[in-house]
C-alpha atoms as a PDB file:
ATOM      1  CA  MET A   1       0.000   0.000   0.000  1.00  0.00           C
ATOM      2  CA  ARG A   2       2.840   2.432   0.764  1.00  0.00           C
ATOM      3  CA  THR A   3       4.382   1.699  -2.647  1.00  0.00           C
ATOM      4  CA  ALA A   4       1.012   2.511  -4.263  1.00  0.00           C
ATOM      5  CA  ARG A   5       1.237   5.973  -2.601  1.00  0.00           C
ATOM      6  CA  PRO A   6      -2.315   6.552  -1.307  1.00  0.00           C
ATOM      7  CA  ARG A   7      -1.445  10.172  -0.473  1.00  0.00           C
ATOM      8  CA  ARG A   8      -1.083  10.843  -4.199  1.00  0.00           C
ATOM      9  CA  TRP A   9      -4.544   9.515  -4.996  1.00  0.00           C
ATOM     10  CA  ILE A  10      -5.995  12.952  -4.281  1.00  0.00           C
ATOM     11  CA  LYS A  11      -4.804  13.909  -7.796  1.00  0.00           C
ATOM     12  CA  TYR A  12      -7.364  11.510  -9.245  1.00  0.00           C
ATOM     13  CA  LEU A  13     -10.171  13.676  -7.935  1.00  0.00           C
ATOM     14  CA  LEU A  14      -9.509  15.501 -11.205  1.00  0.00           C
ATOM     15  CA  VAL A  15     -12.009  13.047 -12.714  1.00  0.00           C
ATOM     16  CA  ILE A  16     -14.733  15.407 -11.467  1.00  0.00           C
ATOM     17  CA  ALA A  17     -13.254  18.393 -13.333  1.00  0.00           C
ATOM     18  CA  ALA A  18     -15.186  18.104 -16.615  1.00  0.00           C
ATOM     19  CA  PRO A  19     -18.589  17.316 -15.027  1.00  0.00           C
ATOM     20  CA  ALA A  20     -18.079  20.133 -12.495  1.00  0.00           C
ATOM     21  CA  ALA A  21     -17.199  22.626 -15.245  1.00  0.00           C
ATOM     22  CA  ALA A  22     -20.335  21.578 -17.150  1.00  0.00           C
ATOM     23  CA  GLY A  23     -22.602  21.783 -14.092  1.00  0.00           C
ATOM     24  CA  GLU A  24     -23.305  18.031 -14.173  1.00  0.00           C
ATOM     25  CA  LEU A  25     -21.488  17.021 -10.994  1.00  0.00           C
ATOM     26  CA  PHE A  26     -24.520  16.240  -8.815  1.00  0.00           C
ATOM     27  CA  THR A  27     -26.704  14.386 -11.283  1.00  0.00           C
ATOM     28  CA  PRO A  28     -27.663  10.818 -10.277  1.00  0.00           C
ATOM     29  CA  ARG A  29     -25.552   9.376 -13.085  1.00  0.00           C
ATOM     30  CA  ALA A  30     -22.498  11.395 -12.044  1.00  0.00           C
ATOM     31  CA  LEU A  31     -22.850  10.388  -8.385  1.00  0.00           C
ATOM     32  CA  THR A  32     -22.789   6.699  -9.331  1.00  0.00           C
ATOM     33  CA  ARG A  33     -20.354   6.718 -12.274  1.00  0.00           C
ATOM     34  CA  LEU A  34     -17.620   9.112 -11.070  1.00  0.00           C
ATOM     35  CA  PRO A  35     -16.689   7.181  -7.891  1.00  0.00           C
ATOM     36  CA  LEU A  36     -16.218   4.091 -10.074  1.00  0.00           C
ATOM     37  CA  VAL A  37     -13.968   5.996 -12.496  1.00  0.00           C
ATOM     38  CA  PHE A  38     -11.988   7.358  -9.544  1.00  0.00           C
ATOM     39  CA  VAL A  39     -11.433   3.836  -8.187  1.00  0.00           C
ATOM     40  CA  LEU A  40     -10.325   2.547 -11.606  1.00  0.00           C
ATOM     41  CA  PHE A  41      -7.870   5.411 -11.961  1.00  0.00           C
ATOM     42  CA  THR A  42      -6.391   4.763  -8.513  1.00  0.00           C
ATOM     43  CA  VAL A  43      -5.915   1.095  -9.460  1.00  0.00           C
ATOM     44  CA  CYS A  44      -4.043   2.254 -12.574  1.00  0.00           C
ATOM     45  CA  ALA A  45      -1.989   4.618 -10.428  1.00  0.00           C
ATOM     46  CA  ALA A  46      -1.053   1.823  -8.036  1.00  0.00           C
ATOM     47  CA  ALA A  47       0.000  -0.363 -10.982  1.00  0.00           C
ATOM     48  CA  VAL A  48       2.182   2.377 -12.464  1.00  0.00           C
ATOM     49  CA  TYR A  49       3.829   3.237  -9.142  1.00  0.00           C
ATOM     50  CA  LEU A  50       4.651  -0.410  -8.455  1.00  0.00           C
ATOM     51  CA  ILE A  51       6.065  -1.044 -11.922  1.00  0.00           C
ATOM     52  CA  ASN A  52       7.937   2.288 -11.904  1.00  0.00           C
ATOM     53  CA  ASP A  53       9.618   1.834  -8.517  1.00  0.00           C
ATOM     54  CA  ALA A  54      11.181  -1.546  -9.294  1.00  0.00           C
ATOM     55  CA  PRO A  55      13.692  -0.404 -11.957  1.00  0.00           C
ATOM     56  CA  ASP A  56      14.143   2.996 -10.273  1.00  0.00           C
ATOM     57  CA  ALA A  57      15.214   1.571  -6.910  1.00  0.00           C
ATOM     58  CA  GLU A  58      18.910   2.375  -7.377  1.00  0.00           C
ATOM     59  CA  ALA A  59      18.253   5.989  -8.440  1.00  0.00           C
ATOM     60  CA  ASP A  60      15.698   6.449  -5.653  1.00  0.00           C
ATOM     61  CA  ARG A  61      18.310   5.531  -3.053  1.00  0.00           C
ATOM     62  CA  ALA A  62      20.295   8.637  -4.059  1.00  0.00           C
ATOM     63  CA  HIS A  63      17.303  10.942  -3.445  1.00  0.00           C
ATOM     64  CA  PRO A  64      16.708  12.356   0.074  1.00  0.00           C
ATOM     65  CA  VAL A  65      12.959  11.657  -0.116  1.00  0.00           C
ATOM     66  CA  THR A  66      12.436   8.744  -2.518  1.00  0.00           C
ATOM     67  CA  ARG A  67      15.063   6.617  -0.759  1.00  0.00           C
ATOM     68  CA  HIS A  68      12.345   5.860   1.801  1.00  0.00           C
ATOM     69  CA  ARG A  69      10.078   4.212  -0.787  1.00  0.00           C
ATOM     70  CA  PRO A  70       9.542   0.536   0.131  1.00  0.00           C
ATOM     71  CA  VAL A  71      11.183  -0.887  -3.001  1.00  0.00           C
ATOM     72  CA  ALA A  72      14.241   1.379  -2.704  1.00  0.00           C
ATOM     73  CA  ALA A  73      14.455   0.631   1.016  1.00  0.00           C
ATOM     74  CA  GLY A  74      14.365  -3.123   0.366  1.00  0.00           C
ATOM     75  CA  GLN A  75      11.025  -3.648   2.122  1.00  0.00           C
ATOM     76  CA  VAL A  76       9.247  -4.753  -1.076  1.00  0.00           C
ATOM     77  CA  PRO A  77      11.223  -7.034  -3.432  1.00  0.00           C
ATOM     78  CA  ALA A  78      11.314  -5.842  -7.046  1.00  0.00           C
ATOM     79  CA  PRO A  79       9.736  -9.097  -8.412  1.00  0.00           C
ATOM     80  CA  VAL A  80       6.782  -8.631  -6.052  1.00  0.00           C
ATOM     81  CA  ALA A  81       6.338  -5.031  -7.213  1.00  0.00           C
ATOM     82  CA  TYR A  82       6.386  -6.145 -10.859  1.00  0.00           C
ATOM     83  CA  ALA A  83       3.909  -8.978 -10.230  1.00  0.00           C
ATOM     84  CA  VAL A  84       1.353  -6.948  -8.268  1.00  0.00           C
ATOM     85  CA  GLY A  85       1.702  -3.958 -10.597  1.00  0.00           C
ATOM     86  CA  GLY A  86       1.218  -6.162 -13.658  1.00  0.00           C
ATOM     87  CA  ALA A  87      -1.882  -7.788 -12.166  1.00  0.00           C
ATOM     88  CA  LEU A  88      -3.434  -4.385 -11.387  1.00  0.00           C
ATOM     89  CA  ALA A  89      -2.535  -3.105 -14.869  1.00  0.00           C
ATOM     90  CA  VAL A  90      -4.591  -5.938 -16.390  1.00  0.00           C
ATOM     91  CA  LEU A  91      -7.435  -5.679 -13.878  1.00  0.00           C
ATOM     92  CA  ALA A  92      -8.217  -1.972 -14.340  1.00  0.00           C
ATOM     93  CA  PRO A  93      -8.838  -1.953 -18.150  1.00  0.00           C
ATOM     94  CA  VAL A  94     -10.808  -5.222 -17.997  1.00  0.00           C
ATOM     95  CA  ALA A  95     -13.027  -3.792 -15.237  1.00  0.00           C
ATOM     96  CA  ALA A  96     -13.437  -0.563 -17.236  1.00  0.00           C
ATOM     97  CA  VAL A  97     -14.646  -2.478 -20.312  1.00  0.00           C
ATOM     98  CA  TRP A  98     -17.182  -4.333 -18.183  1.00  0.00           C
ATOM     99  CA  LEU A  99     -18.392  -1.477 -15.958  1.00  0.00           C
ATOM    100  CA  CYS A 100     -17.979   1.712 -18.034  1.00  0.00           C
ATOM    101  CA  SER A 101     -18.555   3.022 -21.534  1.00  0.00           C
ATOM    102  CA  PRO A 102     -16.178   1.936 -24.338  1.00  0.00           C
ATOM    103  CA  CYS A 103     -14.825   5.493 -24.613  1.00  0.00           C
ATOM    104  CA  THR A 104     -14.011   5.576 -20.893  1.00  0.00           C
ATOM    105  CA  ALA A 105     -12.304   2.184 -21.087  1.00  0.00           C
ATOM    106  CA  ALA A 106     -10.295   3.308 -24.130  1.00  0.00           C
ATOM    107  CA  LEU A 107      -9.116   6.500 -22.423  1.00  0.00           C
ATOM    108  CA  LEU A 108      -8.191   4.615 -19.257  1.00  0.00           C
ATOM    109  CA  THR A 109      -6.267   2.032 -21.297  1.00  0.00           C
ATOM    110  CA  ALA A 110      -4.474   4.794 -23.206  1.00  0.00           C
ATOM    111  CA  TYR A 111      -3.550   6.455 -19.911  1.00  0.00           C
ATOM    112  CA  LEU A 112      -2.153   3.225 -18.514  1.00  0.00           C
ATOM    113  CA  GLY A 113      -0.233   2.467 -21.718  1.00  0.00           C
ATOM    114  CA  LEU A 114       1.250   5.964 -21.834  1.00  0.00           C
ATOM    115  CA  GLN A 115       2.342   5.834 -18.196  1.00  0.00           C
ATOM    116  CA  LEU A 116       3.933   2.405 -18.600  1.00  0.00           C
ATOM    117  CA  ALA A 117       5.740   3.616 -21.727  1.00  0.00           C
ATOM    118  CA  TYR A 118       6.969   6.537 -19.651  1.00  0.00           C
ATOM    119  CA  CYS A 119       8.300   4.152 -16.998  1.00  0.00           C
ATOM    120  CA  ALA A 120      10.016   2.012 -19.635  1.00  0.00           C
ATOM    121  CA  SER A 121      11.663   4.639 -21.827  1.00  0.00           C
ATOM    122  CA  LEU A 122       9.883   7.958 -22.372  1.00  0.00           C
ATOM    123  CA  LYS A 123      11.093   9.401 -19.071  1.00  0.00           C
ATOM    124  CA  HIS A 124      14.575   9.409 -20.602  1.00  0.00           C
ATOM    125  CA  VAL A 125      13.570  11.519 -23.642  1.00  0.00           C
ATOM    126  CA  LEU A 126      14.108  15.266 -23.319  1.00  0.00           C
ATOM    127  CA  VAL A 127      10.882  17.344 -23.352  1.00  0.00           C
ATOM    128  CA  VAL A 128       8.808  14.243 -24.180  1.00  0.00           C
ATOM    129  CA  ASP A 129       8.918  13.345 -20.481  1.00  0.00           C
ATOM    130  CA  LEU A 130       7.240  16.664 -19.646  1.00  0.00           C
ATOM    131  CA  ALA A 131       4.628  16.105 -22.357  1.00  0.00           C
ATOM    132  CA  VAL A 132       3.782  12.590 -21.119  1.00  0.00           C
ATOM    133  CA  VAL A 133       3.331  13.639 -17.481  1.00  0.00           C
ATOM    134  CA  THR A 134       1.232  16.599 -18.625  1.00  0.00           C
ATOM    135  CA  ALA A 135      -0.888  14.290 -20.783  1.00  0.00           C
ATOM    136  CA  GLY A 136      -1.505  12.131 -17.718  1.00  0.00           C
ATOM    137  CA  PHE A 137      -2.930  15.115 -15.830  1.00  0.00           C
ATOM    138  CA  LEU A 138      -5.038  16.072 -18.843  1.00  0.00           C
ATOM    139  CA  MET A 139      -6.448  12.557 -19.234  1.00  0.00           C
ATOM    140  CA  ARG A 140      -7.502  12.523 -15.579  1.00  0.00           C
ATOM    141  CA  ALA A 141      -9.336  15.813 -16.051  1.00  0.00           C
ATOM    142  CA  MET A 142     -10.891  14.673 -19.356  1.00  0.00           C
ATOM    143  CA  ILE A 143     -12.225  11.266 -18.418  1.00  0.00           C
ATOM    144  CA  GLY A 144     -15.239  12.539 -16.495  1.00  0.00           C
ATOM    145  CA  GLY A 145     -16.591  13.931 -19.783  1.00  0.00           C
ATOM    146  CA  PRO A 146     -16.652  10.656 -21.764  1.00  0.00           C
ATOM    147  CA  ALA A 147     -17.826   8.787 -18.662  1.00  0.00           C
ATOM    148  CA  LEU A 148     -20.992  10.906 -18.578  1.00  0.00           C
ATOM    149  CA  GLY A 149     -21.281  11.737 -22.280  1.00  0.00           C
ATOM    150  CA  ILE A 150     -20.338  15.401 -21.720  1.00  0.00           C
ATOM    151  CA  PRO A 151     -18.620  17.208 -24.636  1.00  0.00           C
ATOM    152  CA  LEU A 152     -15.325  18.811 -23.652  1.00  0.00           C
ATOM    153  CA  SER A 153     -14.808  22.530 -24.263  1.00  0.00           C
ATOM    154  CA  ARG A 154     -11.682  23.517 -26.180  1.00  0.00           C
ATOM    155  CA  TRP A 155     -10.975  26.138 -23.507  1.00  0.00           C
ATOM    156  CA  PHE A 156     -11.234  23.492 -20.806  1.00  0.00           C
ATOM    157  CA  LEU A 157      -8.632  21.385 -22.610  1.00  0.00           C
ATOM    158  CA  ILE A 158      -6.298  24.341 -23.267  1.00  0.00           C
ATOM    159  CA  THR A 159      -6.460  25.682 -19.707  1.00  0.00           C
ATOM    160  CA  THR A 160      -6.109  22.266 -18.093  1.00  0.00           C
ATOM    161  CA  GLY A 161      -3.299  21.199 -20.409  1.00  0.00           C
ATOM    162  CA  PHE A 162      -1.140  24.280 -19.942  1.00  0.00           C
ATOM    163  CA  GLY A 163      -1.961  24.431 -16.225  1.00  0.00           C
ATOM    164  CA  ALA A 164      -0.704  20.865 -15.894  1.00  0.00           C
ATOM    165  CA  LEU A 165       2.451  21.670 -17.886  1.00  0.00           C
ATOM    166  CA  PHE A 166       3.065  24.643 -15.582  1.00  0.00           C
ATOM    167  CA  MET A 167       2.998  22.418 -12.488  1.00  0.00           C
ATOM    168  CA  VAL A 168       5.020  19.615 -14.087  1.00  0.00           C
ATOM    169  CA  ALA A 169       7.761  21.971 -15.302  1.00  0.00           C
ATOM    170  CA  ALA A 170       7.778  23.770 -11.941  1.00  0.00           C
ATOM    171  CA  LYS A 171       8.341  20.454 -10.189  1.00  0.00           C
ATOM    172  CA  ARG A 172      11.205  19.549 -12.569  1.00  0.00           C
ATOM    173  CA  TYR A 173      12.725  23.000 -12.059  1.00  0.00           C
ATOM    174  CA  SER A 174      12.556  22.536  -8.285  1.00  0.00           C
ATOM    175  CA  GLU A 175      14.288  19.164  -8.575  1.00  0.00           C
ATOM    176  CA  ALA A 176      17.003  20.683 -10.759  1.00  0.00           C
ATOM    177  CA  VAL A 177      17.603  23.473  -8.225  1.00  0.00           C
ATOM    178  CA  GLN A 178      17.498  21.346  -5.072  1.00  0.00           C
ATOM    179  CA  LEU A 179      19.526  18.432  -6.439  1.00  0.00           C
ATOM    180  CA  ALA A 180      21.978  20.329  -8.626  1.00  0.00           C
ATOM    181  CA  ASP A 181      24.941  18.449  -7.155  1.00  0.00           C
ATOM    182  CA  ARG A 182      23.475  14.977  -7.704  1.00  0.00           C
ATOM    183  CA  ALA A 183      20.763  15.409 -10.341  1.00  0.00           C
ATOM    184  CA  GLY A 184      22.091  12.632 -12.561  1.00  0.00           C
ATOM    185  CA  ALA A 185      21.943  10.107  -9.748  1.00  0.00           C
ATOM    186  CA  THR A 186      18.281  10.790  -8.937  1.00  0.00           C
ATOM    187  CA  ARG A 187      16.854  11.499 -12.408  1.00  0.00           C
ATOM    188  CA  ALA A 188      19.268  11.050 -15.311  1.00  0.00           C
ATOM    189  CA  LEU A 189      17.405  13.477 -17.578  1.00  0.00           C
ATOM    190  CA  LEU A 190      17.879  16.385 -15.159  1.00  0.00           C
ATOM    191  CA  THR A 191      21.489  16.679 -16.291  1.00  0.00           C
ATOM    192  CA  GLU A 192      20.258  17.472 -19.826  1.00  0.00           C
ATOM    193  CA  TYR A 193      17.845  20.189 -18.771  1.00  0.00           C
ATOM    194  CA  THR A 194      19.090  23.598 -17.733  1.00  0.00           C
ATOM    195  CA  ALA A 195      17.386  25.576 -14.989  1.00  0.00           C
ATOM    196  CA  GLY A 196      16.865  28.397 -17.496  1.00  0.00           C
ATOM    197  CA  HIS A 197      15.034  26.128 -19.941  1.00  0.00           C
ATOM    198  CA  LEU A 198      12.741  24.689 -17.262  1.00  0.00           C
ATOM    199  CA  ARG A 199      12.035  28.205 -15.982  1.00  0.00           C
ATOM    200  CA  PHE A 200      11.096  29.232 -19.542  1.00  0.00           C
ATOM    201  CA  VAL A 201       8.741  26.242 -19.843  1.00  0.00           C
ATOM    202  CA  TRP A 202       6.858  26.846 -16.594  1.00  0.00           C
ATOM    203  CA  GLN A 203       6.623  30.590 -17.158  1.00  0.00           C
ATOM    204  CA  SER A 204       5.315  30.128 -20.713  1.00  0.00           C
ATOM    205  CA  ALA A 205       2.836  27.458 -19.605  1.00  0.00           C
ATOM    206  CA  ALA A 206       1.593  29.666 -16.765  1.00  0.00           C
ATOM    207  CA  GLY A 207       0.968  32.541 -19.184  1.00  0.00           C
ATOM    208  CA  LEU A 208      -0.872  30.331 -21.664  1.00  0.00           C
ATOM    209  CA  ALA A 209      -2.998  28.772 -18.904  1.00  0.00           C
ATOM    210  CA  VAL A 210      -4.026  32.228 -17.685  1.00  0.00           C
ATOM    211  CA  LEU A 211      -4.776  33.374 -21.241  1.00  0.00           C
ATOM    212  CA  GLY A 212      -6.842  30.258 -21.952  1.00  0.00           C
ATOM    213  CA  TYR A 213      -8.820  30.620 -18.727  1.00  0.00           C
ATOM    214  CA  CYS A 214      -9.533  34.314 -19.311  1.00  0.00           C
ATOM    215  CA  LEU A 215     -10.796  33.644 -22.845  1.00  0.00           C
ATOM    216  CA  TRP A 216     -12.923  30.797 -21.462  1.00  0.00           C
ATOM    217  CA  ALA A 217     -14.350  33.018 -18.702  1.00  0.00           C
ATOM    218  CA  LEU A 218     -15.161  35.845 -21.097  1.00  0.00           C
ATOM    219  CA  GLU A 219     -16.961  33.559 -23.571  1.00  0.00           C
ATOM    220  CA  GLU A 220     -20.676  33.887 -22.817  1.00  0.00           C
ATOM    221  CA  GLY A 221     -21.922  31.938 -25.837  1.00  0.00           C
ATOM    222  CA  GLY A 222     -24.658  34.490 -26.589  1.00  0.00           C
ATOM    223  CA  VAL A 223     -26.786  33.381 -23.615  1.00  0.00           C
ATOM    224  CA  PRO A 224     -28.231  36.244 -21.505  1.00  0.00           C
ATOM    225  CA  SER A 225     -26.908  36.189 -17.942  1.00  0.00           C
ATOM    226  CA  THR A 226     -29.284  36.244 -14.957  1.00  0.00           C
ATOM    227  CA  ARG A 227     -26.565  36.128 -12.289  1.00  0.00           C
ATOM    228  CA  VAL A 228     -26.351  38.570  -9.379  1.00  0.00           C
ATOM    229  CA  LEU A 229     -22.680  39.169 -10.254  1.00  0.00           C
ATOM    230  CA  PRO A 230     -20.517  38.097 -13.205  1.00  0.00           C
ATOM    231  CA  TRP A 231     -18.985  35.252 -11.202  1.00  0.00           C
ATOM    232  CA  ARG A 232     -17.344  33.627 -14.179  1.00  0.00           C
ATOM    233  CA  GLN A 233     -15.441  36.795 -15.051  1.00  0.00           C
ATOM    234  CA  LEU A 234     -14.645  37.568 -11.402  1.00  0.00           C
ATOM    235  CA  SER A 235     -13.168  34.077 -11.019  1.00  0.00           C
ATOM    236  CA  MET A 236     -10.358  35.215 -13.334  1.00  0.00           C
ATOM    237  CA  VAL A 237      -8.951  37.259 -10.444  1.00  0.00           C
ATOM    238  CA  ALA A 238      -8.783  34.249  -8.129  1.00  0.00           C
ATOM    239  CA  PHE A 239      -7.340  32.064 -10.898  1.00  0.00           C
ATOM    240  CA  VAL A 240      -4.570  34.557 -11.701  1.00  0.00           C
ATOM    241  CA  LEU A 241      -3.764  35.008  -8.000  1.00  0.00           C
ATOM    242  CA  ALA A 242      -3.532  31.228  -7.578  1.00  0.00           C
ATOM    243  CA  VAL A 243      -1.103  30.954 -10.503  1.00  0.00           C
ATOM    244  CA  LEU A 244       0.998  33.839  -9.160  1.00  0.00           C
ATOM    245  CA  ARG A 245       1.068  32.308  -5.674  1.00  0.00           C
ATOM    246  CA  TYR A 246       2.083  28.903  -7.045  1.00  0.00           C
ATOM    247  CA  ALA A 247       4.771  30.623  -9.118  1.00  0.00           C
ATOM    248  CA  VAL A 248       6.374  31.876  -5.889  1.00  0.00           C
ATOM    249  CA  PHE A 249       7.179  28.286  -4.914  1.00  0.00           C
ATOM    250  CA  ALA A 250       8.228  27.438  -8.457  1.00  0.00           C
ATOM    251  CA  ASP A 251      10.648  30.367  -8.514  1.00  0.00           C
ATOM    252  CA  ARG A 252      12.098  29.373  -5.128  1.00  0.00           C
ATOM    253  CA  GLY A 253      12.602  25.820  -6.340  1.00  0.00           C
ATOM    254  CA  THR A 254      10.255  24.400  -3.697  1.00  0.00           C
ATOM    255  CA  ALA A 255       7.340  23.343  -5.940  1.00  0.00           C
ATOM    256  CA  GLY A 256       7.191  19.595  -5.423  1.00  0.00           C
ATOM    257  CA  GLU A 257       4.038  17.534  -5.812  1.00  0.00           C
ATOM    258  CA  PRO A 258       1.162  19.913  -6.731  1.00  0.00           C
ATOM    259  CA  GLU A 259      -1.152  18.579  -4.022  1.00  0.00           C
ATOM    260  CA  ASP A 260       1.546  19.162  -1.382  1.00  0.00           C
ATOM    261  CA  VAL A 261       2.080  22.752  -2.520  1.00  0.00           C
ATOM    262  CA  VAL A 262      -1.650  23.544  -2.345  1.00  0.00           C
ATOM    263  CA  LEU A 263      -2.349  21.775   0.944  1.00  0.00           C
ATOM    264  CA  ARG A 264       0.700  23.117   2.785  1.00  0.00           C
ATOM    265  CA  ASP A 265       0.234  26.769   1.846  1.00  0.00           C
ATOM    266  CA  ARG A 266      -2.758  28.230   3.639  1.00  0.00           C
ATOM    267  CA  ALA A 267      -2.995  31.308   1.433  1.00  0.00           C
ATOM    268  CA  LEU A 268      -2.959  29.255  -1.776  1.00  0.00           C
ATOM    269  CA  ALA A 269      -5.578  26.880  -0.353  1.00  0.00           C
ATOM    270  CA  CYS A 270      -7.823  29.847   0.531  1.00  0.00           C
ATOM    271  CA  ILE A 271      -7.425  31.356  -2.949  1.00  0.00           C
ATOM    272  CA  ALA A 272      -8.298  27.983  -4.463  1.00  0.00           C
ATOM    273  CA  LEU A 273     -11.447  27.764  -2.313  1.00  0.00           C
ATOM    274  CA  VAL A 274     -12.502  31.275  -3.340  1.00  0.00           C
ATOM    275  CA  TRP A 275     -12.006  30.334  -6.996  1.00  0.00           C
ATOM    276  CA  LEU A 276     -14.045  27.147  -6.517  1.00  0.00           C
ATOM    277  CA  ALA A 277     -16.852  29.132  -4.875  1.00  0.00           C
ATOM    278  CA  MET A 278     -16.924  31.712  -7.660  1.00  0.00           C
ATOM    279  CA  TYR A 279     -16.847  29.140 -10.407  1.00  0.00           C
ATOM    280  CA  GLY A 280     -19.517  27.106  -8.623  1.00  0.00           C
ATOM    281  CA  LEU A 281     -21.777  30.150  -8.465  1.00  0.00           C
ATOM    282  CA  ALA A 282     -21.182  30.762 -12.170  1.00  0.00           C
ATOM    283  CA  VAL A 283     -22.075  27.166 -13.072  1.00  0.00           C
ATOM    284  CA  ALA A 284     -25.199  27.364 -10.877  1.00  0.00           C
ATOM    285  CA  ASP A 285     -26.102  30.634 -12.669  1.00  0.00           C
ATOM    286  CA  TRP A 286     -26.737  32.265  -9.297  1.00  0.00           C
END
């Protein structure tokens, strides 16, 4: 269970993103289907973590944090990690075919295949590694749409995609800064990136995410508004503040796992809650 990293499963709550953005989060179908999709995604996550940690054990031992992972610490033998991870990797897509729509099963299978390809070789390819991790975030946010038959907005995809790239590049930049003296031992590809390049990537992605969100918020679609306040437009302020606050940690080189950054910084968590409230009011047309 520790190797499967339950603390990281909070990221899979992104499966509610598309239904929430479309105002379909509390329909009876969503309340029954989304928990199932969340469980299937966490099974995929457990499979990927188990299969990833086995070959990475030696590199993890050189990292001040990952050296405590059970496989790196010798608490879980590598063959056991491979066997359990492989079993879960087969179980999740089969269950998705049986319990969900074909589109949902296909997206889940594609996610699992992409992550396993990342573990095997893509994590050693410059820039492609950033794209694959970003695609993983995007697939998590997308899957709620196909699961409920909700069409995905182009602005939703643009904002989510570049927002994910911002956080992924910020994490890589933080690793490069913190582990400058032993980057090659912990993640071989870090020696090929420069801090300046990673800074350029996360700054560009942050700007594009903000631009995409603002265009999304300003798009009314020709429907007259009956809201007390223009909550959708006002939410741009909270969104921009959240990006700027997150960028503080990115610039310091302390932006690790996104969920840790948000949960450990009280101000960022409050800004995120304000944004959620504003966007919720906009979706409810209050």
